[in-house]
Amino acid sequence: MARYIPSREDAYDLLQKHVKDESLINHSLMVEAVMAHFAQKFDEDVEKWRTIGLIHDLDFEEYPEEHCKMTKEILEKENWPEDYIRGVLSHGWQICTDVEPVHIMEKIIYTIDELTGLIYATAIMRPSKSLDDLKVKSVKKKWKQKSFAQKIDRDMIKNGVEMLPLELNEMIEETIEGMKSVAKDIGLKTIED
C-alpha cells in the first residue's frame, strides 16, 4: 500500500474542523509560512514543512490540557505518516511531549512557534502595523521587556536557536521574512496598503 502523504489542503481541512479561534488560525498560518520559508532556505521539502506547521496546534483549542497528545491521536486516525506526527509533537518538547527535536525541521518548528508570536506582537504595536519596516533590533528590544507579551516563552526560543546553525538575529530576520507572505491574512499591513 502506498504511503499517504497529506497535502496542504488536507491539513487546512483538518485545521478548519478542529480550530475556530481566529487568533489560533492566524498563528497556524504564520507558522506554516515560516516553515515554508525555512524549508526553501535549507533546500528541504516545502510542502511537508508547511503542512506540519499548519497543523502543529490542531488540538490546542479543543484539548488544551492534552496538547499534542490529542493531535497525535487525530493524525493517527487520519493515517498521517509517523514522521509528520513526530514533527508536530517535537514543537512541544519539554512542555507537553518528550519528543526531542532532532531533524532540522523539528528544530525550526520548536524555535519559531514562540518566535512568530513575539514578532507578531511587536508588529501590531508599531504605528505602521507592518512587518515591512520591522527590524531585528525592535524585536530584540521587546524581547527584553518582560512585561511585553508575557506568555511568550523566550527561553524556548533561545534553546531552539542553540540547536540551529543560525544566530538569534538571523533567526529573527528570517522569521520576519517568512511571515511577510501571510501578513494580510493575519491582519497586518503591507507596503501596498
N, C-alpha and C. Protein backbone atom coordinates (compact mmCIF):
# COMPACT_ATOMS: atom_id res chain seq x y z
N MET A 1 0.84 -1.20 0.00
CA MET A 1 0.00 0.00 0.00
C MET A 1 0.87 1.25 0.00
N ALA A 2 0.55 2.19 -0.84
CA ALA A 2 1.33 3.43 -0.94
C ALA A 2 1.16 4.27 0.33
N ARG A 3 2.22 4.92 0.71
CA ARG A 3 2.20 5.77 1.89
C ARG A 3 1.36 7.02 1.62
N TYR A 4 0.45 7.31 2.54
CA TYR A 4 -0.38 8.52 2.43
C TYR A 4 0.47 9.74 2.74
N ILE A 5 0.50 10.69 1.84
CA ILE A 5 1.21 11.95 2.05
C ILE A 5 0.15 13.06 2.11
N PRO A 6 -0.07 13.63 3.29
CA PRO A 6 -1.10 14.66 3.40
C PRO A 6 -0.71 15.93 2.64
N SER A 7 -1.67 16.52 1.99
CA SER A 7 -1.43 17.77 1.27
C SER A 7 -1.71 18.96 2.19
N ARG A 8 -1.38 20.13 1.71
CA ARG A 8 -1.69 21.35 2.44
C ARG A 8 -3.20 21.47 2.59
N GLU A 9 -3.93 21.09 1.56
CA GLU A 9 -5.39 21.14 1.59
C GLU A 9 -5.94 20.20 2.66
N ASP A 10 -5.37 18.99 2.76
CA ASP A 10 -5.78 18.05 3.81
C ASP A 10 -5.57 18.67 5.19
N ALA A 11 -4.42 19.30 5.36
CA ALA A 11 -4.08 19.91 6.65
C ALA A 11 -5.03 21.06 6.96
N TYR A 12 -5.33 21.87 5.97
CA TYR A 12 -6.21 23.02 6.19
C TYR A 12 -7.63 22.57 6.52
N ASP A 13 -8.11 21.54 5.84
CA ASP A 13 -9.44 20.99 6.14
C ASP A 13 -9.50 20.49 7.58
N LEU A 14 -8.45 19.81 8.00
CA LEU A 14 -8.38 19.30 9.37
C LEU A 14 -8.33 20.45 10.38
N LEU A 15 -7.57 21.46 10.06
CA LEU A 15 -7.48 22.65 10.92
C LEU A 15 -8.85 23.30 11.08
N GLN A 16 -9.56 23.48 9.96
CA GLN A 16 -10.89 24.10 9.99
C GLN A 16 -11.88 23.27 10.83
N LYS A 17 -11.70 21.98 10.82
CA LYS A 17 -12.58 21.08 11.57
C LYS A 17 -12.36 21.21 13.08
N HIS A 18 -11.12 21.45 13.50
CA HIS A 18 -10.79 21.43 14.93
C HIS A 18 -10.50 22.80 15.54
N VAL A 19 -10.29 23.82 14.72
CA VAL A 19 -9.93 25.14 15.24
C VAL A 19 -10.87 26.20 14.69
N LYS A 20 -11.50 26.92 15.61
CA LYS A 20 -12.42 28.00 15.22
C LYS A 20 -11.87 29.37 15.61
N ASP A 21 -11.01 29.41 16.61
CA ASP A 21 -10.46 30.66 17.13
C ASP A 21 -9.58 31.34 16.09
N GLU A 22 -9.94 32.58 15.73
CA GLU A 22 -9.23 33.29 14.67
C GLU A 22 -7.75 33.52 14.98
N SER A 23 -7.44 33.83 16.23
CA SER A 23 -6.03 34.08 16.56
C SER A 23 -5.20 32.79 16.46
N LEU A 24 -5.82 31.66 16.77
CA LEU A 24 -5.11 30.38 16.65
C LEU A 24 -4.94 30.00 15.18
N ILE A 25 -5.93 30.31 14.36
CA ILE A 25 -5.80 30.07 12.91
C ILE A 25 -4.69 30.97 12.35
N ASN A 26 -4.69 32.24 12.77
CA ASN A 26 -3.62 33.15 12.32
C ASN A 26 -2.24 32.65 12.74
N HIS A 27 -2.15 32.16 13.97
CA HIS A 27 -0.87 31.61 14.44
C HIS A 27 -0.45 30.42 13.56
N SER A 28 -1.40 29.58 13.24
CA SER A 28 -1.11 28.41 12.38
C SER A 28 -0.62 28.85 11.00
N LEU A 29 -1.26 29.89 10.45
CA LEU A 29 -0.84 30.42 9.14
C LEU A 29 0.56 31.02 9.20
N MET A 30 0.87 31.69 10.30
CA MET A 30 2.22 32.26 10.47
C MET A 30 3.27 31.15 10.51
N VAL A 31 3.01 30.15 11.33
CA VAL A 31 3.97 29.06 11.46
C VAL A 31 4.12 28.32 10.13
N GLU A 32 3.00 28.11 9.44
CA GLU A 32 3.07 27.48 8.12
C GLU A 32 3.97 28.27 7.17
N ALA A 33 3.76 29.58 7.11
CA ALA A 33 4.53 30.43 6.19
C ALA A 33 6.01 30.42 6.52
N VAL A 34 6.32 30.48 7.80
CA VAL A 34 7.73 30.50 8.21
C VAL A 34 8.38 29.14 7.98
N MET A 35 7.63 28.07 8.20
CA MET A 35 8.17 26.73 7.91
C MET A 35 8.48 26.59 6.42
N ALA A 36 7.59 27.08 5.57
CA ALA A 36 7.84 27.03 4.12
C ALA A 36 9.08 27.84 3.77
N HIS A 37 9.22 29.00 4.39
CA HIS A 37 10.39 29.86 4.15
C HIS A 37 11.70 29.14 4.51
N PHE A 38 11.72 28.53 5.69
CA PHE A 38 12.93 27.84 6.13
C PHE A 38 13.19 26.57 5.32
N ALA A 39 12.14 25.89 4.88
CA ALA A 39 12.32 24.71 4.03
C ALA A 39 13.05 25.10 2.75
N GLN A 40 12.66 26.23 2.17
CA GLN A 40 13.36 26.71 0.97
C GLN A 40 14.81 27.05 1.29
N LYS A 41 15.01 27.71 2.42
CA LYS A 41 16.36 28.12 2.82
C LYS A 41 17.29 26.92 2.98
N PHE A 42 16.76 25.84 3.56
CA PHE A 42 17.57 24.65 3.81
C PHE A 42 17.42 23.59 2.72
N ASP A 43 16.76 23.96 1.61
CA ASP A 43 16.56 23.05 0.48
C ASP A 43 15.89 21.74 0.92
N GLU A 44 14.80 21.89 1.66
CA GLU A 44 14.04 20.75 2.18
C GLU A 44 12.66 20.72 1.51
N ASP A 45 11.84 19.79 1.91
CA ASP A 45 10.51 19.57 1.34
C ASP A 45 9.54 20.64 1.82
N VAL A 46 9.30 21.64 0.99
CA VAL A 46 8.46 22.79 1.37
C VAL A 46 7.04 22.36 1.74
N GLU A 47 6.44 21.49 0.94
CA GLU A 47 5.07 21.06 1.22
C GLU A 47 4.95 20.33 2.55
N LYS A 48 5.90 19.47 2.83
CA LYS A 48 5.88 18.73 4.10
C LYS A 48 6.02 19.70 5.28
N TRP A 49 7.01 20.58 5.21
CA TRP A 49 7.26 21.52 6.30
C TRP A 49 6.06 22.42 6.54
N ARG A 50 5.48 22.95 5.46
CA ARG A 50 4.36 23.89 5.63
C ARG A 50 3.14 23.17 6.19
N THR A 51 2.92 21.93 5.77
CA THR A 51 1.78 21.14 6.24
C THR A 51 1.90 20.89 7.74
N ILE A 52 3.10 20.53 8.18
CA ILE A 52 3.34 20.29 9.61
C ILE A 52 3.16 21.58 10.39
N GLY A 53 3.65 22.68 9.85
CA GLY A 53 3.49 23.98 10.50
C GLY A 53 2.03 24.36 10.65
N LEU A 54 1.25 24.08 9.64
CA LEU A 54 -0.17 24.47 9.63
C LEU A 54 -0.96 23.74 10.71
N ILE A 55 -0.66 22.47 10.97
CA ILE A 55 -1.49 21.71 11.90
C ILE A 55 -0.84 21.48 13.28
N HIS A 56 0.27 22.18 13.55
CA HIS A 56 1.00 21.88 14.79
C HIS A 56 0.18 22.10 16.06
N ASP A 57 -0.78 23.02 16.05
CA ASP A 57 -1.62 23.28 17.23
C ASP A 57 -3.05 22.77 17.04
N LEU A 58 -3.20 21.73 16.28
CA LEU A 58 -4.50 21.20 15.91
C LEU A 58 -5.45 20.96 17.09
N ASP A 59 -4.91 20.48 18.20
CA ASP A 59 -5.75 20.11 19.35
C ASP A 59 -5.83 21.19 20.43
N PHE A 60 -5.13 22.28 20.26
CA PHE A 60 -4.96 23.25 21.35
C PHE A 60 -6.27 23.89 21.80
N GLU A 61 -7.15 24.19 20.88
CA GLU A 61 -8.42 24.84 21.25
C GLU A 61 -9.35 23.86 21.96
N GLU A 62 -9.47 22.66 21.44
CA GLU A 62 -10.40 21.67 22.00
C GLU A 62 -9.85 20.95 23.23
N TYR A 63 -8.53 20.73 23.25
CA TYR A 63 -7.92 19.94 24.33
C TYR A 63 -6.65 20.60 24.86
N PRO A 64 -6.75 21.81 25.43
CA PRO A 64 -5.52 22.49 25.88
C PRO A 64 -4.72 21.72 26.93
N GLU A 65 -5.42 20.94 27.74
CA GLU A 65 -4.73 20.17 28.78
C GLU A 65 -4.06 18.91 28.21
N GLU A 66 -4.45 18.53 27.01
CA GLU A 66 -3.87 17.34 26.38
C GLU A 66 -3.19 17.71 25.07
N HIS A 67 -2.64 18.93 25.04
CA HIS A 67 -2.00 19.45 23.82
C HIS A 67 -0.93 18.47 23.33
N CYS A 68 -0.92 18.25 22.07
CA CYS A 68 -0.04 17.33 21.33
C CYS A 68 -0.52 15.87 21.44
N LYS A 69 -0.94 15.46 22.61
CA LYS A 69 -1.42 14.08 22.79
C LYS A 69 -2.63 13.81 21.88
N MET A 70 -3.58 14.75 21.89
CA MET A 70 -4.77 14.56 21.07
C MET A 70 -4.47 14.75 19.58
N THR A 71 -3.54 15.65 19.26
CA THR A 71 -3.14 15.81 17.86
C THR A 71 -2.60 14.49 17.34
N LYS A 72 -1.78 13.84 18.14
CA LYS A 72 -1.22 12.54 17.75
C LYS A 72 -2.34 11.55 17.43
N GLU A 73 -3.34 11.49 18.31
CA GLU A 73 -4.47 10.58 18.10
C GLU A 73 -5.24 10.93 16.82
N ILE A 74 -5.52 12.22 16.64
CA ILE A 74 -6.27 12.66 15.46
C ILE A 74 -5.51 12.30 14.19
N LEU A 75 -4.21 12.60 14.16
CA LEU A 75 -3.42 12.36 12.96
C LEU A 75 -3.24 10.86 12.69
N GLU A 76 -3.12 10.07 13.74
CA GLU A 76 -3.02 8.61 13.55
C GLU A 76 -4.32 8.07 12.94
N LYS A 77 -5.46 8.56 13.42
CA LYS A 77 -6.75 8.14 12.86
C LYS A 77 -6.87 8.52 11.39
N GLU A 78 -6.25 9.63 11.02
CA GLU A 78 -6.28 10.12 9.64
C GLU A 78 -5.18 9.48 8.78
N ASN A 79 -4.44 8.54 9.37
CA ASN A 79 -3.35 7.82 8.70
C ASN A 79 -2.18 8.70 8.25
N TRP A 80 -1.90 9.75 9.02
CA TRP A 80 -0.76 10.59 8.70
C TRP A 80 0.53 9.83 8.97
N PRO A 81 1.56 10.07 8.17
CA PRO A 81 2.84 9.37 8.36
C PRO A 81 3.47 9.70 9.71
N GLU A 82 4.19 8.75 10.23
CA GLU A 82 4.83 8.88 11.54
C GLU A 82 5.79 10.07 11.60
N ASP A 83 6.53 10.33 10.52
CA ASP A 83 7.49 11.44 10.55
C ASP A 83 6.78 12.80 10.61
N TYR A 84 5.61 12.90 10.02
CA TYR A 84 4.82 14.13 10.12
C TYR A 84 4.33 14.31 11.56
N ILE A 85 3.83 13.22 12.14
CA ILE A 85 3.34 13.28 13.52
C ILE A 85 4.48 13.64 14.46
N ARG A 86 5.62 13.01 14.27
CA ARG A 86 6.79 13.32 15.10
C ARG A 86 7.18 14.80 14.97
N GLY A 87 7.14 15.31 13.75
CA GLY A 87 7.45 16.72 13.53
C GLY A 87 6.54 17.64 14.32
N VAL A 88 5.25 17.32 14.33
CA VAL A 88 4.28 18.11 15.09
C VAL A 88 4.58 18.01 16.59
N LEU A 89 4.78 16.80 17.07
CA LEU A 89 4.99 16.59 18.50
C LEU A 89 6.26 17.27 19.01
N SER A 90 7.27 17.39 18.16
CA SER A 90 8.55 17.96 18.60
C SER A 90 8.43 19.42 19.01
N HIS A 91 7.39 20.13 18.54
CA HIS A 91 7.27 21.54 18.92
C HIS A 91 6.88 21.70 20.39
N GLY A 92 6.39 20.62 21.00
CA GLY A 92 6.00 20.67 22.41
C GLY A 92 7.01 20.04 23.35
N TRP A 93 8.22 19.82 22.87
CA TRP A 93 9.27 19.17 23.66
C TRP A 93 9.47 19.87 25.01
N GLN A 94 9.52 19.08 26.05
CA GLN A 94 9.73 19.50 27.44
C GLN A 94 8.59 20.35 28.00
N ILE A 95 7.52 20.50 27.23
CA ILE A 95 6.35 21.23 27.73
C ILE A 95 5.19 20.23 27.85
N CYS A 96 4.92 19.54 26.73
CA CYS A 96 3.82 18.57 26.76
C CYS A 96 4.18 17.27 26.03
N THR A 97 5.42 17.17 25.53
CA THR A 97 5.88 15.90 24.93
C THR A 97 7.33 15.65 25.32
N ASP A 98 7.76 14.42 25.11
CA ASP A 98 9.18 14.09 25.33
C ASP A 98 9.87 13.84 23.98
N VAL A 99 9.27 14.33 22.90
CA VAL A 99 9.83 14.16 21.55
C VAL A 99 10.84 15.28 21.30
N GLU A 100 12.09 14.95 21.46
CA GLU A 100 13.16 15.94 21.30
C GLU A 100 13.37 16.25 19.81
N PRO A 101 13.45 17.54 19.47
CA PRO A 101 13.72 17.90 18.08
C PRO A 101 15.09 17.41 17.63
N VAL A 102 15.11 16.61 16.58
CA VAL A 102 16.37 16.05 16.07
C VAL A 102 16.61 16.54 14.64
N HIS A 103 15.63 16.35 13.77
CA HIS A 103 15.73 16.79 12.38
C HIS A 103 15.69 18.32 12.35
N ILE A 104 16.31 18.93 11.36
CA ILE A 104 16.32 20.39 11.23
C ILE A 104 14.90 20.96 11.22
N MET A 105 13.97 20.27 10.59
CA MET A 105 12.58 20.72 10.55
C MET A 105 11.99 20.80 11.96
N GLU A 106 12.29 19.80 12.77
CA GLU A 106 11.77 19.76 14.14
C GLU A 106 12.38 20.89 14.98
N LYS A 107 13.62 21.16 14.76
CA LYS A 107 14.30 22.25 15.50
C LYS A 107 13.73 23.61 15.10
N ILE A 108 13.41 23.76 13.82
CA ILE A 108 12.84 25.02 13.34
C ILE A 108 11.45 25.24 13.94
N ILE A 109 10.57 24.24 13.88
CA ILE A 109 9.21 24.43 14.39
C ILE A 109 9.23 24.68 15.90
N TYR A 110 10.12 24.02 16.59
CA TYR A 110 10.27 24.22 18.04
C TYR A 110 10.63 25.69 18.34
N THR A 111 11.51 26.25 17.53
CA THR A 111 12.00 27.62 17.74
C THR A 111 11.00 28.68 17.32
N ILE A 112 10.39 28.50 16.16
CA ILE A 112 9.54 29.58 15.62
C ILE A 112 8.14 29.60 16.20
N ASP A 113 7.72 28.54 16.86
CA ASP A 113 6.37 28.52 17.43
C ASP A 113 6.17 29.74 18.32
N GLU A 114 7.10 29.99 19.21
CA GLU A 114 7.03 31.15 20.10
C GLU A 114 7.52 32.43 19.41
N LEU A 115 8.53 32.30 18.58
CA LEU A 115 9.13 33.47 17.92
C LEU A 115 8.13 34.20 17.03
N THR A 116 7.29 33.46 16.30
CA THR A 116 6.30 34.11 15.45
C THR A 116 5.35 34.96 16.30
N GLY A 117 5.01 34.48 17.48
CA GLY A 117 4.13 35.24 18.37
C GLY A 117 4.77 36.54 18.83
N LEU A 118 6.04 36.49 19.17
CA LEU A 118 6.75 37.68 19.61
C LEU A 118 6.85 38.71 18.48
N ILE A 119 7.14 38.23 17.29
CA ILE A 119 7.26 39.12 16.13
C ILE A 119 5.91 39.74 15.80
N TYR A 120 4.87 38.95 15.81
CA TYR A 120 3.52 39.46 15.53
C TYR A 120 3.12 40.52 16.57
N ALA A 121 3.36 40.22 17.83
CA ALA A 121 3.02 41.16 18.90
C ALA A 121 3.80 42.47 18.74
N THR A 122 5.04 42.36 18.33
CA THR A 122 5.86 43.56 18.11
C THR A 122 5.32 44.37 16.94
N ALA A 123 4.97 43.68 15.85
CA ALA A 123 4.48 44.36 14.65
C ALA A 123 3.18 45.11 14.90
N ILE A 124 2.24 44.51 15.62
CA ILE A 124 0.94 45.17 15.82
C ILE A 124 1.04 46.37 16.76
N MET A 125 2.11 46.47 17.53
CA MET A 125 2.30 47.61 18.42
C MET A 125 2.92 48.81 17.71
N ARG A 126 3.44 48.58 16.53
CA ARG A 126 4.11 49.65 15.79
C ARG A 126 3.09 50.53 15.07
N PRO A 127 3.41 51.81 14.86
CA PRO A 127 2.48 52.69 14.13
C PRO A 127 2.12 52.15 12.74
N SER A 128 3.09 51.52 12.07
CA SER A 128 2.84 51.00 10.71
C SER A 128 2.00 49.73 10.71
N LYS A 129 1.97 49.02 11.82
CA LYS A 129 1.29 47.71 11.92
C LYS A 129 1.72 46.79 10.77
N SER A 130 3.02 46.79 10.49
CA SER A 130 3.55 46.08 9.33
C SER A 130 4.84 45.35 9.67
N LEU A 131 5.10 44.29 8.91
CA LEU A 131 6.38 43.58 9.00
C LEU A 131 7.41 44.20 8.06
N ASP A 132 6.92 44.98 7.10
CA ASP A 132 7.81 45.51 6.05
C ASP A 132 8.92 46.40 6.60
N ASP A 133 8.62 47.13 7.67
CA ASP A 133 9.63 48.03 8.24
C ASP A 133 10.10 47.56 9.62
N LEU A 134 9.78 46.32 9.97
CA LEU A 134 10.17 45.78 11.27
C LEU A 134 11.61 45.30 11.24
N LYS A 135 12.41 45.80 12.15
CA LYS A 135 13.82 45.45 12.23
C LYS A 135 14.07 44.48 13.39
N VAL A 136 15.14 43.72 13.26
CA VAL A 136 15.53 42.76 14.29
C VAL A 136 15.69 43.45 15.63
N LYS A 137 16.32 44.63 15.63
CA LYS A 137 16.58 45.33 16.90
C LYS A 137 15.28 45.69 17.63
N SER A 138 14.21 45.96 16.88
CA SER A 138 12.92 46.27 17.51
C SER A 138 12.35 45.04 18.22
N VAL A 139 12.50 43.89 17.58
CA VAL A 139 12.02 42.63 18.18
C VAL A 139 12.85 42.32 19.43
N LYS A 140 14.16 42.52 19.34
CA LYS A 140 15.03 42.22 20.49
C LYS A 140 14.77 43.17 21.65
N LYS A 141 14.41 44.40 21.33
CA LYS A 141 14.07 45.37 22.38
C LYS A 141 12.83 44.91 23.13
N LYS A 142 11.82 44.45 22.38
CA LYS A 142 10.60 43.93 23.00
C LYS A 142 10.88 42.62 23.75
N TRP A 143 11.79 41.82 23.23
CA TRP A 143 12.20 40.56 23.87
C TRP A 143 12.64 40.84 25.30
N LYS A 144 13.41 41.91 25.49
CA LYS A 144 13.99 42.24 26.80
C LYS A 144 12.95 42.79 27.78
N GLN A 145 11.83 43.28 27.26
CA GLN A 145 10.78 43.82 28.13
C GLN A 145 9.91 42.66 28.63
N LYS A 146 10.17 42.23 29.85
CA LYS A 146 9.46 41.07 30.41
C LYS A 146 7.95 41.29 30.49
N SER A 147 7.52 42.56 30.58
CA SER A 147 6.09 42.84 30.67
C SER A 147 5.40 42.76 29.31
N PHE A 148 6.19 42.73 28.23
CA PHE A 148 5.62 42.67 26.88
C PHE A 148 5.42 41.22 26.46
N ALA A 149 4.22 40.90 25.99
CA ALA A 149 3.89 39.54 25.52
C ALA A 149 4.42 38.50 26.51
N GLN A 150 3.94 38.62 27.74
CA GLN A 150 4.46 37.80 28.84
C GLN A 150 4.31 36.30 28.65
N LYS A 151 3.31 35.88 27.89
CA LYS A 151 3.08 34.43 27.72
C LYS A 151 4.08 33.78 26.78
N ILE A 152 4.84 34.60 26.05
CA ILE A 152 5.80 34.04 25.09
C ILE A 152 7.05 33.58 25.82
N ASP A 153 7.37 32.31 25.63
CA ASP A 153 8.49 31.68 26.30
C ASP A 153 9.80 31.99 25.57
N ARG A 154 10.48 33.00 26.05
CA ARG A 154 11.74 33.42 25.42
C ARG A 154 12.83 32.36 25.56
N ASP A 155 12.81 31.60 26.67
CA ASP A 155 13.81 30.54 26.85
C ASP A 155 13.66 29.47 25.79
N MET A 156 12.43 29.19 25.42
CA MET A 156 12.17 28.19 24.37
C MET A 156 12.80 28.63 23.05
N ILE A 157 12.63 29.91 22.73
CA ILE A 157 13.23 30.45 21.50
C ILE A 157 14.75 30.34 21.59
N LYS A 158 15.30 30.76 22.72
CA LYS A 158 16.76 30.73 22.92
C LYS A 158 17.29 29.30 22.82
N ASN A 159 16.61 28.36 23.47
CA ASN A 159 17.03 26.95 23.42
C ASN A 159 16.95 26.40 22.00
N GLY A 160 15.92 26.81 21.27
CA GLY A 160 15.77 26.38 19.89
C GLY A 160 16.89 26.90 19.01
N VAL A 161 17.22 28.17 19.17
CA VAL A 161 18.29 28.77 18.37
C VAL A 161 19.62 28.06 18.64
N GLU A 162 19.85 27.66 19.88
CA GLU A 162 21.09 26.96 20.23
C GLU A 162 21.23 25.62 19.51
N MET A 163 20.12 25.05 19.08
CA MET A 163 20.14 23.77 18.33
C MET A 163 20.42 23.99 16.85
N LEU A 164 20.31 25.22 16.39
CA LEU A 164 20.34 25.52 14.96
C LEU A 164 21.66 26.14 14.50
N PRO A 165 21.94 26.03 13.20
CA PRO A 165 23.15 26.65 12.66
C PRO A 165 22.94 28.13 12.32
N LEU A 166 22.09 28.80 13.11
CA LEU A 166 21.78 30.22 12.89
C LEU A 166 21.91 30.97 14.21
N GLU A 167 22.31 32.22 14.12
CA GLU A 167 22.35 33.08 15.30
C GLU A 167 20.95 33.64 15.53
N LEU A 168 20.70 34.15 16.73
CA LEU A 168 19.38 34.69 17.06
C LEU A 168 18.95 35.80 16.09
N ASN A 169 19.85 36.73 15.79
CA ASN A 169 19.49 37.83 14.88
C ASN A 169 19.03 37.31 13.53
N GLU A 170 19.76 36.33 13.00
CA GLU A 170 19.40 35.76 11.70
C GLU A 170 18.07 35.02 11.78
N MET A 171 17.85 34.34 12.89
CA MET A 171 16.60 33.60 13.08
C MET A 171 15.41 34.56 13.09
N ILE A 172 15.57 35.68 13.79
CA ILE A 172 14.50 36.69 13.84
C ILE A 172 14.26 37.27 12.45
N GLU A 173 15.35 37.62 11.77
CA GLU A 173 15.24 38.21 10.44
C GLU A 173 14.54 37.28 9.45
N GLU A 174 14.95 36.01 9.46
CA GLU A 174 14.35 35.04 8.54
C GLU A 174 12.89 34.75 8.88
N THR A 175 12.56 34.77 10.17
CA THR A 175 11.18 34.54 10.59
C THR A 175 10.29 35.70 10.15
N ILE A 176 10.78 36.93 10.31
CA ILE A 176 10.04 38.10 9.81
C ILE A 176 9.80 37.94 8.31
N GLU A 177 10.84 37.57 7.60
CA GLU A 177 10.75 37.41 6.14
C GLU A 177 9.69 36.37 5.79
N GLY A 178 9.70 35.24 6.49
CA GLY A 178 8.72 34.18 6.23
C GLY A 178 7.30 34.61 6.52
N MET A 179 7.12 35.42 7.54
CA MET A 179 5.78 35.88 7.93
C MET A 179 5.19 36.87 6.93
N LYS A 180 6.03 37.54 6.17
CA LYS A 180 5.54 38.56 5.24
C LYS A 180 4.55 38.00 4.22
N SER A 181 4.70 36.74 3.84
CA SER A 181 3.81 36.17 2.82
C SER A 181 2.37 36.02 3.30
N VAL A 182 2.15 36.06 4.62
CA VAL A 182 0.78 35.95 5.14
C VAL A 182 0.36 37.20 5.91
N ALA A 183 1.12 38.27 5.76
CA ALA A 183 0.85 39.49 6.53
C ALA A 183 -0.60 39.95 6.43
N LYS A 184 -1.12 40.04 5.21
CA LYS A 184 -2.52 40.50 5.03
C LYS A 184 -3.50 39.51 5.64
N ASP A 185 -3.23 38.23 5.49
CA ASP A 185 -4.13 37.19 6.01
C ASP A 185 -4.27 37.25 7.54
N ILE A 186 -3.22 37.73 8.21
CA ILE A 186 -3.23 37.76 9.67
C ILE A 186 -3.48 39.16 10.24
N GLY A 187 -3.91 40.06 9.36
CA GLY A 187 -4.34 41.38 9.81
C GLY A 187 -3.26 42.45 9.90
N LEU A 188 -2.10 42.19 9.30
CA LEU A 188 -1.05 43.21 9.29
C LEU A 188 -1.10 43.98 7.98
N LYS A 189 -0.52 45.15 8.00
CA LYS A 189 -0.49 45.98 6.79
C LYS A 189 0.77 45.66 5.99
N THR A 190 0.71 45.97 4.71
CA THR A 190 1.88 45.77 3.84
C THR A 190 2.19 47.07 3.10
N ILE A 191 3.31 47.11 2.44
CA ILE A 191 3.74 48.31 1.71
C ILE A 191 2.66 48.77 0.74
N GLU A 192 1.97 47.82 0.11
CA GLU A 192 0.95 48.15 -0.91
C GLU A 192 -0.27 48.86 -0.31
N ASP A 193 -0.50 48.70 1.01
CA ASP A 193 -1.70 49.28 1.64
C ASP A 193 -1.67 50.79 1.67
